[in-house]
Amino acid sequence: MYKIEDITPGKSYGCRFRVTTMLDIDGKPSGSSDAPPKSPGVYEGFGIIQKRDLKNRLLEVYDTTARKMFRVDFESIWDVDDVEYVD
């Protein structure tokens, strides 16, 4: 496991994250299914880190289940680790 401040640019990393977003009636992020949006709520997922902004302490994370990009602050991520792509 890594601290987000210590990861190497250019390598692939994933993390668990928590974000407040619009959820559908099944508790999934809006737009990731055909269900209509219901209300804002807390969503937890796993994603691939796309961008890291050290100055503003933000990440762009692509959720592999919801197939959606989220902007997440450093305090809302954990379990940062290497990602290995396989076919």
Protein backbone atom coordinates (compact mmCIF):
# COMPACT_ATOMS: atom_id res chain seq x y z
CA MET A 1 0.00 0.00 0.00
CA TYR A 2 1.13 3.53 -0.77
CA LYS A 3 0.53 7.03 0.50
CA ILE A 4 -1.00 9.05 -2.34
CA GLU A 5 1.72 11.71 -2.01
CA ASP A 6 4.42 9.07 -2.65
CA ILE A 7 3.17 7.35 -5.82
CA THR A 8 5.33 7.47 -8.95
CA PRO A 9 3.95 9.50 -11.90
CA GLY A 10 3.44 7.37 -14.99
CA LYS A 11 2.71 4.14 -13.12
CA SER A 12 -0.83 2.74 -12.74
CA TYR A 13 -2.46 2.80 -9.31
CA GLY A 14 -5.90 2.03 -7.99
CA CYS A 15 -7.66 2.95 -4.78
CA ARG A 16 -10.84 2.57 -2.80
CA PHE A 17 -12.75 5.85 -2.48
CA ARG A 18 -15.82 7.50 -1.00
CA VAL A 19 -17.73 10.35 -2.67
CA THR A 20 -21.10 12.07 -2.31
CA THR A 21 -23.00 11.90 -5.61
CA MET A 22 -26.47 11.41 -7.05
CA LEU A 23 -27.55 7.79 -6.57
CA ASP A 24 -30.31 5.84 -8.28
CA ILE A 25 -32.92 3.74 -6.46
CA ASP A 26 -30.44 0.82 -6.34
CA GLY A 27 -27.75 2.93 -4.62
CA LYS A 28 -25.58 3.11 -7.75
CA PRO A 29 -24.23 6.39 -9.19
CA SER A 30 -26.66 8.07 -11.58
CA GLY A 31 -25.90 7.30 -15.19
CA SER A 32 -24.30 3.93 -14.49
CA SER A 33 -27.61 2.10 -14.98
CA ASP A 34 -31.02 2.72 -16.54
CA ALA A 35 -32.61 3.49 -13.16
CA PRO A 36 -33.65 7.13 -12.60
CA PRO A 37 -31.73 9.29 -10.11
CA LYS A 38 -33.20 9.29 -6.64
CA SER A 39 -31.17 11.48 -4.28
CA PRO A 40 -27.65 12.45 -3.23
CA GLY A 41 -25.83 9.90 -1.14
CA VAL A 42 -22.46 8.43 -0.26
CA TYR A 43 -20.99 5.98 -2.77
CA GLU A 44 -17.94 3.80 -2.15
CA GLY A 45 -16.07 2.19 -4.99
CA PHE A 46 -12.76 1.08 -6.45
CA GLY A 47 -11.12 2.96 -9.25
CA ILE A 48 -8.04 3.59 -11.33
CA ILE A 49 -6.27 6.87 -10.57
CA GLN A 50 -6.21 8.99 -13.74
CA LYS A 51 -4.87 12.34 -12.48
CA ARG A 52 -3.40 13.64 -9.24
CA ASP A 53 -3.38 17.30 -8.21
CA LEU A 54 -0.98 17.67 -5.28
CA LYS A 55 -1.62 21.41 -4.87
CA ASN A 56 -5.40 21.06 -4.43
CA ARG A 57 -5.18 17.51 -2.99
CA LEU A 58 -7.61 16.07 -5.55
CA LEU A 59 -7.70 12.96 -7.74
CA GLU A 60 -9.63 11.95 -10.81
CA VAL A 61 -10.57 8.30 -10.34
CA TYR A 62 -12.24 6.07 -12.95
CA ASP A 63 -14.61 3.67 -11.19
CA THR A 64 -14.28 0.29 -12.88
CA THR A 65 -17.75 -0.92 -11.82
CA ALA A 66 -19.83 2.21 -12.45
CA ARG A 67 -17.67 3.09 -15.49
CA LYS A 68 -17.70 6.69 -14.41
CA MET A 69 -15.09 9.32 -13.50
CA PHE A 70 -15.14 10.91 -10.04
CA ARG A 71 -13.21 13.81 -8.53
CA VAL A 72 -12.12 12.76 -5.04
CA ASP A 73 -10.16 14.55 -2.31
CA PHE A 74 -7.12 12.86 -0.78
CA GLU A 75 -8.91 12.37 2.56
CA SER A 76 -11.60 10.21 0.88
CA ILE A 77 -9.29 7.51 -0.52
CA TRP A 78 -7.59 4.47 0.99
CA ASP A 79 -5.90 1.21 -0.04
CA VAL A 80 -3.76 2.81 -2.78
CA ASP A 81 -1.89 0.04 -4.60
CA ASP A 82 -0.38 -0.94 -7.95
CA VAL A 83 -2.76 -1.86 -10.77
CA GLU A 84 -1.90 -4.67 -13.13
CA TYR A 85 -3.80 -4.88 -16.42
CA VAL A 86 -4.62 -8.38 -17.68
CA ASP A 87 -6.59 -9.71 -20.64
